[in-house]
Amino acid sequence: MLPSPHRLRSRHDFNHIYKEGKSWHGPYFVAWLLPRATLEPGQAPSNPSFFATRIGLVVGKKVSNLAIRRNWVKRRMRQACWELLKEIEPGWDVILVARRAVLDLQANQYLPELEQLLAQAGILHGH
């Protein structure tokens, strides 16, 4: 489970990222990214989690009609995101959308695939 400040939940946020964000496509995932609001010089954030990167996961019925398979994929995506969270630069809203081909991945392949996609997008430290 991702820590609460790192979860993207509201429909409004998802729609805003889809509308204003930029997408990167890979064989197994699509990443939608949008930088969070920036502060003016000298302005302090009202909330300590203001700069926390938030991640939302989407596994639609196009991946599988069976909820058990969609949940299985989402659990593995969540685990990979949890491991990548320390490498992602702060201040981003990220939506990760699973593609149907994700069902062919082994559990240990989620992390390298997501890492490659986010590095391609340029939001990982040192990549």
N, C-alpha and C. Protein backbone atom coordinates (compact mmCIF):
# COMPACT_ATOMS: atom_id res chain seq x y z
N MET A 1 0.84 -1.18 0.00
CA MET A 1 0.00 0.00 0.00
C MET A 1 0.89 1.24 0.00
N LEU A 2 0.58 2.16 -0.86
CA LEU A 2 1.32 3.42 -0.91
C LEU A 2 0.93 4.28 0.29
N PRO A 3 1.88 5.03 0.86
CA PRO A 3 1.54 5.94 1.95
C PRO A 3 0.49 6.95 1.48
N SER A 4 -0.37 7.37 2.38
CA SER A 4 -1.50 8.23 2.05
C SER A 4 -1.15 9.49 1.25
N PRO A 5 -0.09 10.24 1.61
CA PRO A 5 0.21 11.44 0.82
C PRO A 5 0.62 11.14 -0.62
N HIS A 6 0.92 9.89 -0.91
CA HIS A 6 1.38 9.52 -2.25
C HIS A 6 0.28 8.87 -3.09
N ARG A 7 -0.94 8.88 -2.60
CA ARG A 7 -2.04 8.28 -3.36
C ARG A 7 -2.82 9.35 -4.11
N LEU A 8 -3.13 9.04 -5.34
CA LEU A 8 -3.95 9.92 -6.17
C LEU A 8 -5.32 9.27 -6.24
N ARG A 9 -6.36 9.99 -5.79
CA ARG A 9 -7.66 9.34 -5.65
C ARG A 9 -8.82 10.02 -6.38
N SER A 10 -8.88 11.33 -6.35
CA SER A 10 -10.10 11.98 -6.80
C SER A 10 -10.26 11.97 -8.33
N ARG A 11 -11.48 11.83 -8.76
CA ARG A 11 -11.81 11.85 -10.18
C ARG A 11 -11.36 13.16 -10.82
N HIS A 12 -11.52 14.25 -10.09
CA HIS A 12 -11.11 15.56 -10.59
C HIS A 12 -9.62 15.57 -10.90
N ASP A 13 -8.79 15.02 -10.00
CA ASP A 13 -7.35 14.98 -10.23
C ASP A 13 -7.01 14.11 -11.45
N PHE A 14 -7.65 12.96 -11.55
CA PHE A 14 -7.40 12.08 -12.70
C PHE A 14 -7.75 12.80 -14.00
N ASN A 15 -8.93 13.41 -14.05
CA ASN A 15 -9.36 14.11 -15.27
C ASN A 15 -8.42 15.26 -15.61
N HIS A 16 -7.96 15.99 -14.59
CA HIS A 16 -7.04 17.11 -14.81
C HIS A 16 -5.72 16.61 -15.40
N ILE A 17 -5.20 15.50 -14.89
CA ILE A 17 -3.94 14.96 -15.39
C ILE A 17 -4.11 14.46 -16.82
N TYR A 18 -5.22 13.77 -17.10
CA TYR A 18 -5.47 13.31 -18.47
C TYR A 18 -5.56 14.49 -19.44
N LYS A 19 -6.17 15.59 -19.00
CA LYS A 19 -6.38 16.74 -19.87
C LYS A 19 -5.10 17.57 -20.05
N GLU A 20 -4.39 17.83 -18.96
CA GLU A 20 -3.25 18.75 -19.00
C GLU A 20 -1.89 18.06 -19.05
N GLY A 21 -1.84 16.77 -18.68
CA GLY A 21 -0.56 16.08 -18.57
C GLY A 21 -0.03 15.57 -19.89
N LYS A 22 1.15 14.98 -19.81
CA LYS A 22 1.82 14.40 -20.97
C LYS A 22 1.92 12.90 -20.74
N SER A 23 1.85 12.13 -21.82
CA SER A 23 1.88 10.67 -21.67
C SER A 23 3.12 10.07 -22.31
N TRP A 24 3.57 8.98 -21.70
CA TRP A 24 4.66 8.16 -22.24
C TRP A 24 4.13 6.75 -22.35
N HIS A 25 4.40 6.12 -23.49
CA HIS A 25 3.84 4.81 -23.77
C HIS A 25 4.94 3.75 -23.79
N GLY A 26 4.63 2.63 -23.15
CA GLY A 26 5.51 1.48 -23.18
C GLY A 26 4.70 0.27 -23.60
N PRO A 27 5.33 -0.88 -23.73
CA PRO A 27 4.59 -2.07 -24.16
C PRO A 27 3.58 -2.58 -23.13
N TYR A 28 3.81 -2.27 -21.84
CA TYR A 28 2.95 -2.81 -20.79
C TYR A 28 2.17 -1.74 -20.02
N PHE A 29 2.67 -0.51 -20.06
CA PHE A 29 2.05 0.57 -19.28
C PHE A 29 2.05 1.86 -20.08
N VAL A 30 1.13 2.76 -19.72
CA VAL A 30 1.14 4.14 -20.19
C VAL A 30 1.24 5.00 -18.94
N ALA A 31 2.16 5.95 -18.94
CA ALA A 31 2.33 6.86 -17.81
C ALA A 31 1.86 8.25 -18.22
N TRP A 32 0.96 8.81 -17.43
CA TRP A 32 0.51 10.19 -17.61
C TRP A 32 1.13 10.99 -16.48
N LEU A 33 1.81 12.09 -16.82
CA LEU A 33 2.54 12.88 -15.82
C LEU A 33 2.16 14.35 -15.91
N LEU A 34 2.09 14.96 -14.74
CA LEU A 34 1.83 16.39 -14.66
C LEU A 34 2.55 16.93 -13.43
N PRO A 35 3.38 17.97 -13.59
CA PRO A 35 4.02 18.55 -12.40
C PRO A 35 2.98 19.19 -11.50
N ARG A 36 3.17 19.06 -10.20
CA ARG A 36 2.24 19.68 -9.25
C ARG A 36 2.46 21.18 -9.24
N ALA A 37 1.53 21.90 -8.66
CA ALA A 37 1.61 23.36 -8.61
C ALA A 37 2.91 23.79 -7.93
N THR A 38 3.49 24.86 -8.43
CA THR A 38 4.73 25.37 -7.85
C THR A 38 4.42 26.55 -6.95
N LEU A 39 5.32 26.82 -6.02
CA LEU A 39 5.16 27.94 -5.11
C LEU A 39 5.93 29.15 -5.63
N GLU A 40 5.45 30.32 -5.27
CA GLU A 40 6.17 31.55 -5.57
C GLU A 40 7.39 31.62 -4.65
N PRO A 41 8.47 32.29 -5.07
CA PRO A 41 9.64 32.42 -4.20
C PRO A 41 9.26 33.04 -2.86
N GLY A 42 9.72 32.43 -1.78
CA GLY A 42 9.43 32.92 -0.43
C GLY A 42 8.13 32.42 0.16
N GLN A 43 7.32 31.74 -0.63
CA GLN A 43 6.04 31.22 -0.14
C GLN A 43 6.25 29.82 0.43
N ALA A 44 5.67 29.58 1.59
CA ALA A 44 5.81 28.26 2.24
C ALA A 44 4.58 27.42 1.93
N PRO A 45 4.76 26.11 1.75
CA PRO A 45 3.60 25.25 1.51
C PRO A 45 2.73 25.16 2.76
N SER A 46 1.42 25.15 2.57
CA SER A 46 0.50 25.08 3.70
C SER A 46 0.41 23.66 4.25
N ASN A 47 0.82 22.70 3.46
CA ASN A 47 0.72 21.30 3.85
C ASN A 47 2.10 20.66 3.67
N PRO A 48 2.60 19.91 4.68
CA PRO A 48 3.94 19.32 4.52
C PRO A 48 4.04 18.32 3.37
N SER A 49 2.93 17.74 2.95
CA SER A 49 2.97 16.78 1.85
C SER A 49 2.72 17.46 0.50
N PHE A 50 2.89 18.78 0.45
CA PHE A 50 2.62 19.55 -0.76
C PHE A 50 3.45 19.06 -1.94
N PHE A 51 4.71 18.69 -1.69
CA PHE A 51 5.59 18.29 -2.78
C PHE A 51 5.63 16.78 -2.99
N ALA A 52 4.85 16.03 -2.25
CA ALA A 52 4.86 14.57 -2.39
C ALA A 52 4.34 14.19 -3.77
N THR A 53 5.04 13.27 -4.41
CA THR A 53 4.58 12.74 -5.68
C THR A 53 3.39 11.83 -5.41
N ARG A 54 2.31 12.04 -6.17
CA ARG A 54 1.12 11.21 -6.00
C ARG A 54 0.99 10.28 -7.20
N ILE A 55 0.60 9.03 -6.91
CA ILE A 55 0.50 8.01 -7.96
C ILE A 55 -0.90 7.42 -7.95
N GLY A 56 -1.49 7.31 -9.13
CA GLY A 56 -2.77 6.64 -9.32
C GLY A 56 -2.59 5.47 -10.27
N LEU A 57 -3.27 4.38 -9.99
CA LEU A 57 -3.15 3.17 -10.81
C LEU A 57 -4.48 2.89 -11.48
N VAL A 58 -4.43 2.52 -12.77
CA VAL A 58 -5.63 2.20 -13.53
C VAL A 58 -5.43 0.87 -14.22
N VAL A 59 -6.32 -0.06 -13.93
CA VAL A 59 -6.34 -1.36 -14.62
C VAL A 59 -7.78 -1.56 -15.07
N GLY A 60 -8.05 -1.25 -16.33
CA GLY A 60 -9.41 -1.28 -16.84
C GLY A 60 -9.87 -2.65 -17.29
N LYS A 61 -11.12 -2.72 -17.69
CA LYS A 61 -11.68 -3.98 -18.16
C LYS A 61 -11.07 -4.44 -19.48
N LYS A 62 -10.38 -3.54 -20.18
CA LYS A 62 -9.68 -3.96 -21.40
C LYS A 62 -8.56 -4.94 -21.06
N VAL A 63 -8.02 -4.83 -19.85
CA VAL A 63 -6.95 -5.75 -19.42
C VAL A 63 -7.55 -7.12 -19.18
N SER A 64 -8.64 -7.18 -18.42
CA SER A 64 -9.32 -8.44 -18.14
C SER A 64 -10.72 -8.14 -17.64
N ASN A 65 -11.67 -8.98 -18.03
CA ASN A 65 -13.02 -8.83 -17.52
C ASN A 65 -13.14 -9.34 -16.09
N LEU A 66 -12.18 -10.13 -15.65
CA LEU A 66 -12.22 -10.71 -14.31
C LEU A 66 -11.59 -9.76 -13.29
N ALA A 67 -12.36 -9.39 -12.28
CA ALA A 67 -11.85 -8.48 -11.25
C ALA A 67 -10.65 -9.06 -10.52
N ILE A 68 -10.63 -10.37 -10.35
CA ILE A 68 -9.52 -11.00 -9.63
C ILE A 68 -8.20 -10.78 -10.37
N ARG A 69 -8.22 -10.81 -11.70
CA ARG A 69 -7.00 -10.56 -12.49
C ARG A 69 -6.62 -9.08 -12.45
N ARG A 70 -7.61 -8.20 -12.54
CA ARG A 70 -7.32 -6.77 -12.48
C ARG A 70 -6.71 -6.42 -11.12
N ASN A 71 -7.26 -6.97 -10.05
CA ASN A 71 -6.73 -6.71 -8.71
C ASN A 71 -5.32 -7.28 -8.55
N TRP A 72 -5.07 -8.43 -9.16
CA TRP A 72 -3.76 -9.07 -9.12
C TRP A 72 -2.73 -8.15 -9.78
N VAL A 73 -3.08 -7.61 -10.94
CA VAL A 73 -2.19 -6.69 -11.65
C VAL A 73 -1.97 -5.43 -10.82
N LYS A 74 -3.03 -4.89 -10.24
CA LYS A 74 -2.93 -3.66 -9.47
C LYS A 74 -2.04 -3.85 -8.23
N ARG A 75 -2.13 -5.01 -7.58
CA ARG A 75 -1.27 -5.29 -6.42
C ARG A 75 0.20 -5.29 -6.82
N ARG A 76 0.51 -5.89 -7.95
CA ARG A 76 1.90 -5.92 -8.40
C ARG A 76 2.39 -4.53 -8.84
N MET A 77 1.53 -3.77 -9.47
CA MET A 77 1.88 -2.40 -9.83
C MET A 77 2.14 -1.56 -8.58
N ARG A 78 1.28 -1.73 -7.58
CA ARG A 78 1.41 -0.98 -6.33
C ARG A 78 2.73 -1.31 -5.63
N GLN A 79 3.10 -2.59 -5.62
CA GLN A 79 4.35 -3.01 -5.00
C GLN A 79 5.55 -2.39 -5.73
N ALA A 80 5.53 -2.41 -7.05
CA ALA A 80 6.62 -1.82 -7.83
C ALA A 80 6.69 -0.31 -7.60
N CYS A 81 5.55 0.35 -7.52
CA CYS A 81 5.53 1.80 -7.26
C CYS A 81 6.08 2.11 -5.88
N TRP A 82 5.74 1.29 -4.91
CA TRP A 82 6.23 1.49 -3.55
C TRP A 82 7.76 1.43 -3.53
N GLU A 83 8.32 0.49 -4.29
CA GLU A 83 9.78 0.35 -4.36
C GLU A 83 10.42 1.50 -5.14
N LEU A 84 9.72 2.04 -6.12
CA LEU A 84 10.26 3.14 -6.94
C LEU A 84 10.05 4.52 -6.31
N LEU A 85 9.20 4.61 -5.31
CA LEU A 85 8.81 5.90 -4.77
C LEU A 85 10.01 6.74 -4.32
N LYS A 86 11.00 6.10 -3.73
CA LYS A 86 12.18 6.85 -3.25
C LYS A 86 13.04 7.37 -4.39
N GLU A 87 12.89 6.80 -5.59
CA GLU A 87 13.68 7.24 -6.75
C GLU A 87 12.97 8.30 -7.59
N ILE A 88 11.66 8.45 -7.40
CA ILE A 88 10.90 9.43 -8.19
C ILE A 88 11.09 10.82 -7.60
N GLU A 89 11.37 11.78 -8.45
CA GLU A 89 11.54 13.16 -8.00
C GLU A 89 10.23 13.66 -7.39
N PRO A 90 10.32 14.46 -6.32
CA PRO A 90 9.09 14.98 -5.70
C PRO A 90 8.40 16.00 -6.60
N GLY A 91 7.11 16.17 -6.37
CA GLY A 91 6.36 17.21 -7.06
C GLY A 91 5.66 16.79 -8.34
N TRP A 92 5.37 15.50 -8.51
CA TRP A 92 4.70 15.02 -9.72
C TRP A 92 3.40 14.31 -9.37
N ASP A 93 2.44 14.42 -10.26
CA ASP A 93 1.25 13.58 -10.23
C ASP A 93 1.41 12.58 -11.37
N VAL A 94 1.27 11.29 -11.05
CA VAL A 94 1.53 10.22 -12.01
C VAL A 94 0.33 9.29 -12.06
N ILE A 95 -0.15 8.99 -13.25
CA ILE A 95 -1.15 7.95 -13.45
C ILE A 95 -0.50 6.86 -14.28
N LEU A 96 -0.56 5.64 -13.79
CA LEU A 96 -0.03 4.49 -14.52
C LEU A 96 -1.20 3.64 -14.98
N VAL A 97 -1.32 3.48 -16.29
CA VAL A 97 -2.41 2.71 -16.89
C VAL A 97 -1.83 1.41 -17.43
N ALA A 98 -2.40 0.29 -17.00
CA ALA A 98 -1.92 -1.02 -17.46
C ALA A 98 -2.51 -1.32 -18.84
N ARG A 99 -1.70 -1.93 -19.69
CA ARG A 99 -2.17 -2.41 -20.99
C ARG A 99 -2.42 -3.91 -20.89
N ARG A 100 -3.14 -4.44 -21.84
CA ARG A 100 -3.50 -5.86 -21.82
C ARG A 100 -2.28 -6.77 -21.75
N ALA A 101 -1.19 -6.38 -22.39
CA ALA A 101 0.02 -7.21 -22.41
C ALA A 101 0.62 -7.41 -21.02
N VAL A 102 0.19 -6.61 -20.04
CA VAL A 102 0.73 -6.72 -18.68
C VAL A 102 0.44 -8.10 -18.08
N LEU A 103 -0.58 -8.77 -18.58
CA LEU A 103 -0.91 -10.11 -18.07
C LEU A 103 0.19 -11.12 -18.38
N ASP A 104 1.04 -10.82 -19.37
CA ASP A 104 2.14 -11.72 -19.74
C ASP A 104 3.38 -11.54 -18.86
N LEU A 105 3.41 -10.48 -18.04
CA LEU A 105 4.58 -10.22 -17.20
C LEU A 105 4.60 -11.12 -15.98
N GLN A 106 5.80 -11.52 -15.58
CA GLN A 106 5.99 -12.19 -14.30
C GLN A 106 6.03 -11.10 -13.22
N ALA A 107 5.78 -11.49 -11.98
CA ALA A 107 5.74 -10.53 -10.88
C ALA A 107 7.04 -9.74 -10.75
N ASN A 108 8.18 -10.37 -11.00
CA ASN A 108 9.46 -9.68 -10.85
C ASN A 108 9.81 -8.79 -12.04
N GLN A 109 8.97 -8.73 -13.07
CA GLN A 109 9.23 -7.89 -14.24
C GLN A 109 8.52 -6.54 -14.16
N TYR A 110 7.62 -6.36 -13.22
CA TYR A 110 6.89 -5.10 -13.11
C TYR A 110 7.83 -3.94 -12.79
N LEU A 111 8.71 -4.14 -11.80
CA LEU A 111 9.60 -3.08 -11.37
C LEU A 111 10.50 -2.58 -12.50
N PRO A 112 11.23 -3.46 -13.22
CA PRO A 112 12.09 -2.94 -14.30
C PRO A 112 11.30 -2.26 -15.43
N GLU A 113 10.12 -2.76 -15.74
CA GLU A 113 9.32 -2.14 -16.80
C GLU A 113 8.85 -0.74 -16.40
N LEU A 114 8.36 -0.60 -15.17
CA LEU A 114 7.93 0.72 -14.70
C LEU A 114 9.12 1.66 -14.56
N GLU A 115 10.24 1.14 -14.08
CA GLU A 115 11.44 1.95 -13.93
C GLU A 115 11.91 2.48 -15.29
N GLN A 116 11.88 1.65 -16.30
CA GLN A 116 12.29 2.06 -17.64
C GLN A 116 11.35 3.14 -18.18
N LEU A 117 10.06 2.98 -17.99
CA LEU A 117 9.08 3.95 -18.49
C LEU A 117 9.24 5.30 -17.79
N LEU A 118 9.40 5.28 -16.46
CA LEU A 118 9.53 6.54 -15.72
C LEU A 118 10.88 7.20 -15.98
N ALA A 119 11.91 6.41 -16.24
CA ALA A 119 13.21 6.98 -16.61
C ALA A 119 13.11 7.65 -17.98
N GLN A 120 12.38 7.03 -18.89
CA GLN A 120 12.15 7.61 -20.22
C GLN A 120 11.41 8.94 -20.08
N ALA A 121 10.51 9.02 -19.11
CA ALA A 121 9.76 10.26 -18.87
C ALA A 121 10.62 11.31 -18.17
N GLY A 122 11.73 10.88 -17.57
CA GLY A 122 12.66 11.82 -16.95
C GLY A 122 12.33 12.24 -15.54
N ILE A 123 11.62 11.40 -14.78
CA ILE A 123 11.28 11.80 -13.41
C ILE A 123 11.97 10.95 -12.35
N LEU A 124 12.93 10.12 -12.75
CA LEU A 124 13.68 9.33 -11.77
C LEU A 124 15.01 10.02 -11.48
N HIS A 125 15.43 10.01 -10.20
CA HIS A 125 16.73 10.56 -9.82
C HIS A 125 17.83 9.79 -10.52
N GLY A 126 18.79 10.49 -11.09
CA GLY A 126 19.97 9.86 -11.67
C GLY A 126 19.74 9.11 -12.97
N HIS A 127 18.62 9.31 -13.63
CA HIS A 127 18.38 8.63 -14.91
C HIS A 127 18.25 9.64 -16.02
